[in-house]
Amino acid sequence: MIATLLRLAALPFLLAAAPGESPVTQSEAPMVARQAVERRLKDDGPLRFSEMTVRVSQKMPGYVVCGTVYLRNGSVERFFVVTPGSFAVLERDGAGLVAKYWRLNGC
């Protein structure tokens, strides 16, 4: 019983110490960010990326990537990605959400 309780108590530390994704280097961060954005925008055709900024995250391990992507239909979408991670936040996700992340991370 005590051994089981000790294992359960150690579980949060084990999960925190063994994240699911491997670390990403600063040089890999733009590629990882592009892949995350491409997954989100896969139905919008060929994408052209510009103005990508990579910064060391001040709030979590890894990097933040901010940038702009031009869609096939001529529209422009700003994005924010945290690496390691695989999810891009886009302007279409909510009014001011990307602007807030950009402001908080110095993009």
Protein backbone atom coordinates (compact mmCIF):
# COMPACT_ATOMS: atom_id res chain seq x y z
CA MET A 1 0.00 0.00 0.00
CA ILE A 2 2.76 2.46 0.93
CA ALA A 3 4.77 1.51 -2.17
CA THR A 4 1.72 2.22 -4.36
CA LEU A 5 1.21 5.62 -2.72
CA LEU A 6 4.86 6.48 -3.23
CA ARG A 7 4.63 5.54 -6.92
CA LEU A 8 1.50 7.68 -7.35
CA ALA A 9 3.15 10.61 -5.58
CA ALA A 10 6.14 10.38 -7.94
CA LEU A 11 3.99 10.21 -11.07
CA PRO A 12 3.65 14.00 -11.62
CA PHE A 13 7.43 14.38 -11.39
CA LEU A 14 7.97 11.55 -13.86
CA LEU A 15 5.51 13.06 -16.33
CA ALA A 16 7.11 16.49 -16.02
CA ALA A 17 10.58 15.07 -16.53
CA ALA A 18 9.67 12.92 -19.54
CA PRO A 19 7.75 15.04 -22.06
CA GLY A 20 6.32 13.34 -25.13
CA GLU A 21 8.30 15.31 -27.68
CA SER A 22 12.05 15.57 -28.05
CA PRO A 23 13.79 18.93 -27.66
CA VAL A 24 14.02 21.17 -30.71
CA THR A 25 17.10 23.23 -31.51
CA GLN A 26 16.81 26.87 -32.49
CA SER A 27 17.78 26.02 -36.06
CA GLU A 28 15.01 23.38 -36.24
CA ALA A 29 12.31 25.63 -34.74
CA PRO A 30 11.31 27.34 -38.05
CA MET A 31 10.86 23.96 -39.78
CA VAL A 32 8.75 22.63 -36.87
CA ALA A 33 6.65 25.80 -36.93
CA ARG A 34 6.11 25.53 -40.70
CA GLN A 35 4.94 21.93 -40.30
CA ALA A 36 2.48 22.94 -37.56
CA VAL A 37 1.06 25.78 -39.68
CA GLU A 38 0.87 23.56 -42.77
CA ARG A 39 -1.12 20.96 -40.82
CA ARG A 40 -3.60 23.63 -39.76
CA LEU A 41 -3.86 25.13 -43.26
CA LYS A 42 -3.58 21.98 -45.37
CA ASP A 43 -6.75 22.80 -47.32
CA ASP A 44 -5.58 26.32 -48.19
CA GLY A 45 -3.13 25.17 -50.86
CA PRO A 46 0.52 26.15 -51.23
CA LEU A 47 1.75 28.47 -48.50
CA ARG A 48 4.47 31.10 -48.59
CA PHE A 49 6.07 31.96 -45.25
CA SER A 50 7.74 35.24 -44.38
CA GLU A 51 8.81 37.32 -41.42
CA MET A 52 9.48 34.35 -39.14
CA THR A 53 10.95 35.21 -35.75
CA VAL A 54 12.38 32.58 -33.39
CA ARG A 55 12.87 33.44 -29.73
CA VAL A 56 13.77 31.46 -26.63
CA SER A 57 10.55 31.08 -24.67
CA GLN A 58 10.59 32.91 -21.35
CA LYS A 59 7.61 30.97 -20.00
CA MET A 60 8.24 27.35 -21.00
CA PRO A 61 11.05 25.14 -22.33
CA GLY A 62 11.81 25.56 -26.00
CA TYR A 63 11.22 28.32 -28.52
CA VAL A 64 8.38 30.47 -29.77
CA VAL A 65 8.03 31.14 -33.47
CA CYS A 66 6.00 34.04 -34.82
CA GLY A 67 5.42 34.72 -38.46
CA THR A 68 3.22 35.46 -41.40
CA VAL A 69 1.97 33.06 -44.03
CA TYR A 70 0.46 33.99 -47.40
CA LEU A 71 -2.33 31.72 -48.59
CA ARG A 72 -3.18 30.71 -52.14
CA ASN A 73 -6.29 32.93 -52.16
CA GLY A 74 -4.12 36.00 -51.46
CA SER A 75 -5.03 36.40 -47.81
CA VAL A 76 -2.44 36.76 -45.07
CA GLU A 77 -2.49 34.92 -41.74
CA ARG A 78 -0.25 35.61 -38.74
CA PHE A 79 0.69 32.63 -36.56
CA PHE A 80 2.30 31.68 -33.26
CA VAL A 81 3.89 28.29 -32.49
CA VAL A 82 5.65 26.95 -29.38
CA THR A 83 8.31 24.28 -29.94
CA PRO A 84 8.51 21.55 -29.01
CA GLY A 85 4.89 21.32 -29.88
CA SER A 86 2.79 20.70 -32.88
CA PHE A 87 -0.03 23.20 -32.73
CA ALA A 88 -0.13 26.58 -34.42
CA VAL A 89 -2.32 29.41 -33.19
CA LEU A 90 -3.66 31.40 -36.14
CA GLU A 91 -5.42 34.74 -36.38
CA ARG A 92 -8.58 32.92 -37.37
CA ASP A 93 -8.60 31.27 -33.91
CA GLY A 94 -9.89 34.41 -32.24
CA ALA A 95 -9.78 38.15 -32.33
CA GLY A 96 -6.55 39.38 -30.81
CA LEU A 97 -5.27 35.97 -29.73
CA VAL A 98 -2.18 35.96 -31.97
CA ALA A 99 -1.59 39.66 -31.24
CA LYS A 100 -1.59 38.88 -27.51
CA TYR A 101 0.92 36.01 -27.93
CA TRP A 102 3.11 38.18 -30.17
CA ARG A 103 3.07 40.98 -27.60
CA LEU A 104 3.81 38.65 -24.65
CA ASN A 105 6.75 37.06 -26.49
CA GLY A 106 8.32 40.11 -28.14
CA CYS A 107 7.51 39.12 -31.70
